[in-house]
Amino acid sequence: MIDKTAVSRRIALASIGAGAAGAGVSAMAQGRPPVDLGTVLNGKVLFPPPAASSEVQPSPPRNADAPTQRVGFAIVGLGKLALEQVMPAFAQAKHARPVALVSGSPDKMQAIAAQYGIAADACYSYADMAKLRDNPAVQVVYVITPNALHRQHVVAAARAGKHVLCEKPMAPSLADCHAMIEACRAAGVKLMIAYRMQYQPHAREAIRLARSGALGAVTLMDMINNQNQGDPAQWRQIKALAGGGSLPDVGLYCLNTARAVLGEEPIEVSAQIWSPPGDPRFREVEDNVTFSLRFPSGAIANCMSSYSTHRLARLTLMGSDASATMEHAFDYQGQTLRVSRLTDGKEQAGEIGIEPKNQFALELDHMAQCVRQNITPRTPGEEGAQDQRIMEAIYEAARTGQRVRLAQMPGLDRFRGPEPTAE
């Protein structure tokens, strides 16, 4: 016996499907891709906005490269940052993939290689970095070792003919920075410093607000990056490896972001440093640092870093018309950005809705695109060297108790490459 109800239901569904397909054909005939079907252009799937212009539009499809078409990275150094942040970020990257490892710990390297599907013959010791030259899958080497080792590993990667992404701080001395830049220049490879804040969406919006005039004239900036360090035996507490304490580690975020917000270079610094006596964490490196930067426009940035206070990471931009505050500013995640201004005679503060994205993935993808398109990274070696130059002035100002004048560097974004793209 035929179930007439079921037949009717199938006919109805078929009619609906035909109608939907017909609507799709009609939309395509009019030159508009159907909202839910989308269209393919240059290998990417695109959808028109499904909602009215008064609504927040969803992000476009991820449109990642095929795995075999992504730029291959060798990770040098398998410490906490590499394993807890960088390696997982490749899963959210669109243009980059891990293809090789370099470590002094064979057991750890073997375990990580197995987790990420990296071949045994693509695992190298530090002494064997020259062999990277013979691995065509490796296009970029990401150096994530202690600060004092950056120079030797960057130089080794450059001599192997590979582009280099190096963790911040670039190196413990300006001489090291210049040697790294020259090694990459001589080898004809790119050098990028991993200033993730210049790729983080909330920070990029704060920079846009400051430079666009949306806040009025920005004349004061306040930046704090504090954390409470534990074990005094970790390498960040050993000057021979770290080069310094809270300033080059967490204070550098304040320094680099202040420069990036305005695009100007400071002309004067003043500073104070204090470490609690008897604390074994600060036998070799500094704890609390406060420093002020004065810029050619007259703007002043007051910055603070600490290794012995409860975590606080905040950025505030104060303009003539409005202020912007970014909470969790220098953390790996959790950023918010609020703008306060007078509206209709009333002081109002509102959070700007910004889609969170993985900073490390954005950073990796930018480096990959720079390699593919043969363009200078937004944060090249010269950007890292300028920060080191200013940090040395900060230490000098704290030591002498005197303001230190810096050479004037006219123009905007003097040490930066082109803005990163959204691709």
Protein backbone atom coordinates (compact mmCIF):
# COMPACT_ATOMS: atom_id res chain seq x y z
CA MET A 1 0.00 0.00 0.00
CA ILE A 2 1.27 3.46 -0.93
CA ASP A 3 1.64 5.99 1.89
CA LYS A 4 0.01 9.05 0.27
CA THR A 5 1.12 11.32 3.10
CA ALA A 6 4.79 10.35 2.62
CA VAL A 7 4.50 10.85 -1.14
CA SER A 8 2.95 14.27 -0.66
CA ARG A 9 5.74 15.21 1.75
CA ARG A 10 8.41 14.16 -0.77
CA ILE A 11 6.70 16.13 -3.54
CA ALA A 12 6.53 19.19 -1.29
CA LEU A 13 10.20 18.92 -0.36
CA ALA A 14 11.17 18.43 -3.98
CA SER A 15 9.18 21.53 -4.90
CA ILE A 16 10.92 23.54 -2.19
CA GLY A 17 14.30 22.29 -3.38
CA ALA A 18 13.46 23.13 -6.98
CA GLY A 19 12.32 26.57 -5.88
CA ALA A 20 15.54 27.16 -3.96
CA ALA A 21 17.60 25.98 -6.92
CA GLY A 22 15.52 28.16 -9.20
CA ALA A 23 16.11 31.15 -6.95
CA GLY A 24 19.81 30.37 -7.05
CA VAL A 25 19.79 30.17 -10.84
CA SER A 26 17.82 33.41 -11.00
CA ALA A 27 20.30 35.17 -8.70
CA MET A 28 23.23 33.88 -10.73
CA ALA A 29 21.54 34.99 -13.95
CA GLN A 30 21.35 38.49 -12.50
CA GLY A 31 25.09 38.44 -11.73
CA ARG A 32 24.61 37.94 -8.00
CA PRO A 33 25.94 34.78 -6.30
CA PRO A 34 23.18 33.10 -4.26
CA VAL A 35 23.52 33.91 -0.56
CA ASP A 36 23.76 30.36 0.73
CA LEU A 37 25.53 28.79 -2.25
CA GLY A 38 28.16 31.45 -2.84
CA THR A 39 30.55 31.44 -5.73
CA VAL A 40 34.16 30.54 -6.41
CA LEU A 41 36.59 33.21 -7.57
CA ASN A 42 40.32 32.58 -7.99
CA GLY A 43 40.03 29.43 -5.93
CA LYS A 44 38.23 31.14 -3.04
CA VAL A 45 34.64 30.66 -1.95
CA LEU A 46 32.78 33.94 -1.53
CA PHE A 47 29.33 34.70 -0.10
CA PRO A 48 27.33 37.92 -0.40
CA PRO A 49 26.13 39.44 2.91
CA PRO A 50 23.05 37.55 4.13
CA ALA A 51 21.92 40.27 6.50
CA ALA A 52 20.90 43.89 6.14
CA SER A 53 23.53 46.61 6.36
CA SER A 54 22.32 47.43 9.88
CA GLU A 55 23.59 44.05 11.12
CA VAL A 56 27.12 42.86 11.88
CA GLN A 57 28.27 40.87 8.88
CA PRO A 58 29.83 37.44 9.47
CA SER A 59 33.45 36.83 8.60
CA PRO A 60 34.19 35.50 5.11
CA PRO A 61 35.19 31.85 4.72
CA ARG A 62 38.65 30.96 5.98
CA ASN A 63 39.86 30.08 2.47
CA ALA A 64 43.09 28.51 3.65
CA ASP A 65 45.73 27.24 1.26
CA ALA A 66 45.99 23.53 0.62
CA PRO A 67 48.49 22.07 3.12
CA THR A 68 51.07 21.30 0.43
CA GLN A 69 50.88 24.88 -0.87
CA ARG A 70 51.61 26.59 2.44
CA VAL A 71 54.97 28.16 3.29
CA GLY A 72 57.06 25.70 5.32
CA PHE A 73 58.47 26.77 8.69
CA ALA A 74 61.25 25.20 10.74
CA ILE A 75 60.81 25.87 14.46
CA VAL A 76 64.10 26.45 16.30
CA GLY A 77 63.73 25.91 20.05
CA LEU A 78 60.95 23.83 21.61
CA GLY A 79 60.30 25.72 24.85
CA LYS A 80 56.99 26.81 26.39
CA LEU A 81 56.22 29.55 23.89
CA ALA A 82 56.91 27.30 20.92
CA LEU A 83 54.90 24.35 22.21
CA GLU A 84 52.04 26.15 23.98
CA GLN A 85 51.44 29.00 21.52
CA VAL A 86 53.27 28.82 18.20
CA MET A 87 52.86 25.18 17.21
CA PRO A 88 49.11 25.11 17.99
CA ALA A 89 48.69 28.38 16.05
CA PHE A 90 49.58 26.65 12.79
CA ALA A 91 46.14 25.00 12.95
CA GLN A 92 44.59 28.48 12.59
CA ALA A 93 47.06 29.77 10.03
CA LYS A 94 46.02 29.93 6.37
CA HIS A 95 49.38 30.16 4.63
CA ALA A 96 51.94 28.57 6.96
CA ARG A 97 52.72 25.04 8.15
CA PRO A 98 55.42 23.43 10.33
CA VAL A 99 57.74 21.18 8.34
CA ALA A 100 60.90 20.90 10.47
CA LEU A 101 62.16 21.14 14.04
CA VAL A 102 65.47 22.15 15.61
CA SER A 103 66.18 21.31 19.24
CA GLY A 104 68.84 20.21 21.69
CA SER A 105 66.44 17.68 23.20
CA PRO A 106 66.04 14.65 20.88
CA ASP A 107 63.33 13.00 23.00
CA LYS A 108 61.18 16.12 23.10
CA MET A 109 61.73 16.75 19.40
CA GLN A 110 60.71 13.19 18.55
CA ALA A 111 57.49 13.54 20.56
CA ILE A 112 56.56 16.87 18.93
CA ALA A 113 57.44 15.58 15.46
CA ALA A 114 55.04 12.68 15.96
CA GLN A 115 52.25 15.03 17.10
CA TYR A 116 52.58 17.29 14.05
CA GLY A 117 53.46 14.71 11.41
CA ILE A 118 56.99 16.00 10.85
CA ALA A 119 59.38 13.51 9.30
CA ALA A 120 62.30 12.19 11.33
CA ASP A 121 64.79 13.42 8.72
CA ALA A 122 63.40 16.97 9.17
CA CYS A 123 64.49 17.07 12.81
CA TYR A 124 67.85 18.73 13.45
CA SER A 125 70.18 19.54 16.32
CA TYR A 126 71.44 23.09 16.75
CA ALA A 127 74.83 21.98 15.45
CA ASP A 128 73.18 20.70 12.28
CA MET A 129 71.31 23.87 11.29
CA ALA A 130 73.45 24.17 8.16
CA LYS A 131 71.65 21.06 6.87
CA LEU A 132 68.45 23.09 6.58
CA ARG A 133 69.86 24.28 3.26
CA ASP A 134 69.22 20.81 1.83
CA ASN A 135 65.54 20.76 2.86
CA PRO A 136 63.51 22.55 0.16
CA ALA A 137 60.33 22.26 2.23
CA VAL A 138 61.77 24.77 4.72
CA GLN A 139 61.34 28.35 3.50
CA VAL A 140 61.29 30.15 6.86
CA VAL A 141 63.12 29.49 10.12
CA TYR A 142 61.35 30.71 13.27
CA VAL A 143 63.90 31.30 16.07
CA ILE A 144 62.30 30.88 19.52
CA THR A 145 65.37 30.36 21.71
CA PRO A 146 66.60 32.46 24.68
CA ASN A 147 67.42 36.05 23.75
CA ALA A 148 71.20 35.72 23.89
CA LEU A 149 71.09 32.85 21.39
CA HIS A 150 69.09 34.71 18.75
CA ARG A 151 72.10 36.08 16.93
CA GLN A 152 73.81 32.73 16.35
CA HIS A 153 70.60 31.00 15.29
CA VAL A 154 69.47 33.81 12.97
CA VAL A 155 72.91 33.92 11.36
CA ALA A 156 72.92 30.12 10.96
CA ALA A 157 69.48 30.20 9.33
CA ALA A 158 70.51 33.00 6.97
CA ARG A 159 73.67 31.15 5.95
CA ALA A 160 71.47 28.15 5.16
CA GLY A 161 69.60 30.40 2.72
CA LYS A 162 66.36 30.55 4.71
CA HIS A 163 64.16 33.53 5.57
CA VAL A 164 64.00 34.22 9.31
CA LEU A 165 61.28 35.07 11.82
CA CYS A 166 62.90 35.84 15.19
CA GLU A 167 61.22 36.20 18.57
CA LYS A 168 61.42 39.49 20.44
CA PRO A 169 63.49 40.97 21.95
CA MET A 170 65.67 40.79 18.86
CA ALA A 171 68.96 40.48 20.79
CA PRO A 172 70.63 41.72 24.00
CA SER A 173 72.76 44.36 22.24
CA LEU A 174 72.55 46.75 19.32
CA ALA A 175 75.73 45.20 17.90
CA ASP A 176 73.99 41.80 17.81
CA CYS A 177 70.99 43.34 16.04
CA HIS A 178 73.17 44.90 13.35
CA ALA A 179 75.01 41.60 12.84
CA MET A 180 71.70 39.77 12.36
CA ILE A 181 70.43 42.35 9.88
CA GLU A 182 73.67 42.22 7.91
CA ALA A 183 73.74 38.40 7.83
CA CYS A 184 70.24 38.29 6.36
CA ARG A 185 71.01 41.08 3.91
CA ALA A 186 74.17 39.33 2.73
CA ALA A 187 72.25 36.07 2.26
CA GLY A 188 69.41 37.77 0.40
CA VAL A 189 66.77 36.58 2.88
CA LYS A 190 64.08 38.38 4.85
CA LEU A 191 64.27 39.02 8.58
CA MET A 192 61.10 39.66 10.59
CA ILE A 193 60.84 40.24 14.35
CA ALA A 194 57.86 38.61 16.04
CA TYR A 195 56.04 41.68 17.36
CA ARG A 196 52.68 39.95 17.57
CA MET A 197 51.01 43.13 18.90
CA GLN A 198 51.33 44.83 15.53
CA TYR A 199 49.19 42.05 14.01
CA GLN A 200 46.65 41.67 16.87
CA PRO A 201 43.22 42.98 15.71
CA HIS A 202 42.40 45.08 18.80
CA ALA A 203 45.82 46.70 18.79
CA ARG A 204 45.53 47.42 15.08
CA GLU A 205 42.18 49.09 15.68
CA ALA A 206 43.67 51.17 18.52
CA ILE A 207 46.42 52.29 16.15
CA ARG A 208 43.83 53.14 13.50
CA LEU A 209 41.81 55.20 15.98
CA ALA A 210 44.87 57.13 17.09
CA ARG A 211 46.13 57.87 13.59
CA SER A 212 42.76 58.60 11.97
CA GLY A 213 41.94 61.45 14.33
CA ALA A 214 38.94 59.57 15.75
CA LEU A 215 40.22 60.33 19.26
CA GLY A 216 41.33 63.85 18.42
CA ALA A 217 44.99 64.65 19.01
CA VAL A 218 46.54 61.84 21.04
CA THR A 219 48.95 63.52 23.46
CA LEU A 220 49.17 61.01 26.33
CA MET A 221 49.55 57.24 26.35
CA ASP A 222 49.67 54.95 29.37
CA MET A 223 50.90 51.37 29.01
CA ILE A 224 51.38 48.74 31.71
CA ASN A 225 52.60 45.16 31.34
CA ASN A 226 53.18 43.47 34.68
CA GLN A 227 53.44 39.84 35.80
CA ASN A 228 54.68 37.94 38.83
CA GLN A 229 57.56 35.64 37.94
CA GLY A 230 58.16 32.44 39.88
CA ASP A 231 61.17 30.11 39.76
CA PRO A 232 64.39 32.21 39.86
CA ALA A 233 66.21 29.44 37.96
CA GLN A 234 64.32 30.01 34.69
CA TRP A 235 66.38 31.47 31.87
CA ARG A 236 64.58 34.81 31.95
CA GLN A 237 66.17 35.43 35.36
CA ILE A 238 69.69 34.71 34.06
CA LYS A 239 71.27 37.80 32.52
CA ALA A 240 73.66 35.85 30.27
CA LEU A 241 70.64 34.33 28.51
CA ALA A 242 67.98 37.03 28.86
CA GLY A 243 70.08 40.18 28.58
CA GLY A 244 67.82 41.91 31.09
CA GLY A 245 64.69 41.50 33.18
CA SER A 246 61.19 42.88 32.83
CA LEU A 247 62.18 45.62 30.37
CA PRO A 248 63.25 43.50 27.35
CA ASP A 249 60.71 40.78 28.14
CA VAL A 250 57.39 42.49 28.95
CA GLY A 251 58.26 46.20 28.98
CA LEU A 252 59.22 45.91 25.33
CA TYR A 253 55.55 45.45 24.43
CA CYS A 254 54.82 48.90 25.87
CA LEU A 255 57.77 50.45 24.06
CA ASN A 256 57.05 48.90 20.67
CA THR A 257 53.30 49.55 20.86
CA ALA A 258 53.80 53.20 21.83
CA ARG A 259 55.99 53.66 18.76
CA ALA A 260 53.51 51.81 16.55
CA VAL A 261 50.51 53.83 17.76
CA LEU A 262 51.91 57.16 16.60
CA GLY A 263 54.31 55.95 13.93
CA GLU A 264 56.81 58.46 15.35
CA GLU A 265 60.17 57.77 16.98
CA PRO A 266 60.80 59.16 20.50
CA ILE A 267 63.29 61.98 20.93
CA GLU A 268 63.80 61.70 24.70
CA VAL A 269 63.52 59.10 27.46
CA SER A 270 63.56 59.17 31.25
CA ALA A 271 63.41 56.10 33.50
CA GLN A 272 63.60 54.53 36.95
CA ILE A 273 64.42 50.95 37.89
CA TRP A 274 63.95 49.29 41.27
CA SER A 275 64.33 45.66 42.38
CA PRO A 276 63.44 44.37 45.85
CA PRO A 277 66.67 43.60 47.73
CA GLY A 278 67.23 39.98 48.72
CA ASP A 279 64.77 38.54 46.21
CA PRO A 280 66.61 35.68 44.45
CA ARG A 281 64.67 36.37 41.25
CA PHE A 282 66.52 39.66 40.83
CA ARG A 283 70.10 38.76 41.61
CA GLU A 284 71.00 39.38 37.96
CA VAL A 285 68.09 41.13 36.21
CA GLU A 286 65.83 44.07 37.02
CA ASP A 287 62.30 43.92 38.37
CA ASN A 288 60.25 47.15 38.21
CA VAL A 289 60.82 49.62 35.39
CA THR A 290 59.02 52.86 34.66
CA PHE A 291 59.96 54.95 31.65
CA SER A 292 58.60 57.89 29.70
CA LEU A 293 58.98 58.54 26.01
CA ARG A 294 58.60 61.99 24.47
CA PHE A 295 57.75 62.17 20.78
CA PRO A 296 58.31 64.94 18.20
CA SER A 297 54.58 65.75 18.14
CA GLY A 298 54.73 66.46 21.87
CA ALA A 299 52.95 63.24 22.83
CA ILE A 300 54.20 61.46 25.93
CA ALA A 301 54.00 57.73 26.67
CA ASN A 302 54.26 56.60 30.28
CA CYS A 303 55.17 52.92 30.47
CA MET A 304 55.61 50.40 33.27
CA SER A 305 56.79 46.80 33.51
CA SER A 306 57.25 44.47 36.46
CA TYR A 307 58.25 40.91 37.28
CA SER A 308 56.87 40.94 40.84
CA THR A 309 53.29 42.25 40.71
CA HIS A 310 49.97 40.64 39.84
CA ARG A 311 49.38 40.38 36.11
CA LEU A 312 48.06 43.57 34.54
CA ALA A 313 48.24 44.42 30.85
CA ARG A 314 46.54 47.67 29.87
CA LEU A 315 46.87 50.30 27.17
CA THR A 316 45.18 53.70 27.31
CA LEU A 317 45.27 56.35 24.59
CA MET A 318 44.16 59.83 25.64
CA GLY A 319 43.08 62.19 22.90
CA SER A 320 41.52 65.64 22.85
CA ASP A 321 38.11 64.26 21.84
CA ALA A 322 38.03 60.74 23.26
CA SER A 323 40.05 58.04 25.01
CA ALA A 324 40.53 54.37 24.20
CA THR A 325 41.39 51.63 26.70
CA MET A 326 42.48 48.13 25.81
CA GLU A 327 42.36 45.55 28.59
CA HIS A 328 44.53 42.41 28.54
CA ALA A 329 46.38 44.43 25.94
CA PHE A 330 49.58 42.40 25.76
CA ASP A 331 48.20 38.98 26.69
CA TYR A 332 47.83 36.09 24.28
CA GLN A 333 44.03 36.42 24.29
CA GLY A 334 41.08 38.14 25.98
CA GLN A 335 41.55 41.66 24.58
CA THR A 336 38.76 44.23 24.74
CA LEU A 337 38.79 47.79 23.40
CA ARG A 338 36.55 50.54 24.80
CA VAL A 339 36.20 54.12 23.61
CA SER A 340 34.91 56.92 25.87
CA ARG A 341 33.63 60.21 24.47
CA LEU A 342 30.98 62.90 24.94
CA THR A 343 27.83 62.05 22.96
CA ASP A 344 24.71 64.24 23.06
CA GLY A 345 26.09 66.01 26.07
CA LYS A 346 26.68 62.80 28.01
CA GLU A 347 29.88 60.87 28.66
CA GLN A 348 29.50 57.46 27.07
CA ALA A 349 31.80 54.45 26.91
CA GLY A 350 31.31 51.56 24.56
CA GLU A 351 33.19 48.44 23.60
CA ILE A 352 34.13 48.05 19.97
CA GLY A 353 33.12 44.64 18.66
CA ILE A 354 36.24 43.03 17.20
CA GLU A 355 36.43 39.38 16.20
CA PRO A 356 39.22 37.70 18.19
CA LYS A 357 41.92 36.01 16.14
CA ASN A 358 45.05 34.09 17.02
CA GLN A 359 47.92 36.59 17.09
CA PHE A 360 50.54 33.96 16.36
CA ALA A 361 48.62 32.64 13.35
CA LEU A 362 48.32 36.18 11.97
CA GLU A 363 52.03 36.69 12.50
CA LEU A 364 52.93 33.42 10.77
CA ASP A 365 50.67 34.19 7.84
CA HIS A 366 52.14 37.66 7.42
CA MET A 367 55.64 36.24 7.21
CA ALA A 368 54.43 33.62 4.72
CA GLN A 369 52.86 36.29 2.53
CA CYS A 370 56.01 38.42 2.67
CA VAL A 371 58.00 35.44 1.36
CA ARG A 372 55.48 34.69 -1.38
CA GLN A 373 55.05 38.28 -2.53
CA ASN A 374 58.66 39.33 -1.94
CA ILE A 375 57.77 42.28 0.29
CA THR A 376 59.39 43.67 3.44
CA PRO A 377 57.72 42.47 6.66
CA ARG A 378 55.79 45.02 8.70
CA THR A 379 58.25 44.40 11.56
CA PRO A 380 61.69 43.81 9.99
CA GLY A 381 65.04 43.58 11.73
CA GLU A 382 65.41 47.37 11.69
CA GLU A 383 62.29 47.63 13.87
CA GLY A 384 63.89 45.34 16.46
CA ALA A 385 67.17 47.25 16.35
CA GLN A 386 65.38 50.55 17.00
CA ASP A 387 63.71 49.10 20.10
CA GLN A 388 67.08 47.85 21.35
CA ARG A 389 68.57 51.30 20.76
CA ILE A 390 65.82 52.88 22.88
CA MET A 391 66.07 50.22 25.62
CA GLU A 392 69.78 50.95 25.97
CA ALA A 393 68.84 54.61 26.43
CA ILE A 394 66.25 53.63 29.05
CA TYR A 395 68.88 51.73 31.03
CA GLU A 396 71.21 54.72 30.76
CA ALA A 397 68.52 57.14 31.93
CA ALA A 398 67.76 54.93 34.94
CA ARG A 399 71.45 54.59 35.80
CA THR A 400 72.21 58.31 35.64
CA GLY A 401 68.87 59.74 36.74
CA GLN A 402 69.04 62.06 33.72
CA ARG A 403 66.92 62.37 30.60
CA VAL A 404 68.58 60.86 27.56
CA ARG A 405 68.15 62.53 24.20
CA LEU A 406 67.72 60.37 21.12
CA ALA A 407 68.60 61.14 17.53
CA GLN A 408 65.62 62.54 15.66
CA MET A 409 64.14 60.13 13.11
CA PRO A 410 61.77 62.11 10.84
CA GLY A 411 58.81 60.57 9.07
CA LEU A 412 56.28 57.91 10.05
CA ASP A 413 56.88 54.16 10.28
CA ARG A 414 60.52 54.74 9.48
CA PHE A 415 61.57 51.18 10.36
CA ARG A 416 58.42 49.32 9.23
CA GLY A 417 57.36 47.61 6.05
CA PRO A 418 53.91 47.78 4.41
CA GLU A 419 50.76 47.19 6.41
CA PRO A 420 49.78 43.52 6.69
CA THR A 421 46.91 42.46 4.47
CA ALA A 422 43.82 40.53 5.47
CA GLU A 423 44.60 37.67 3.06
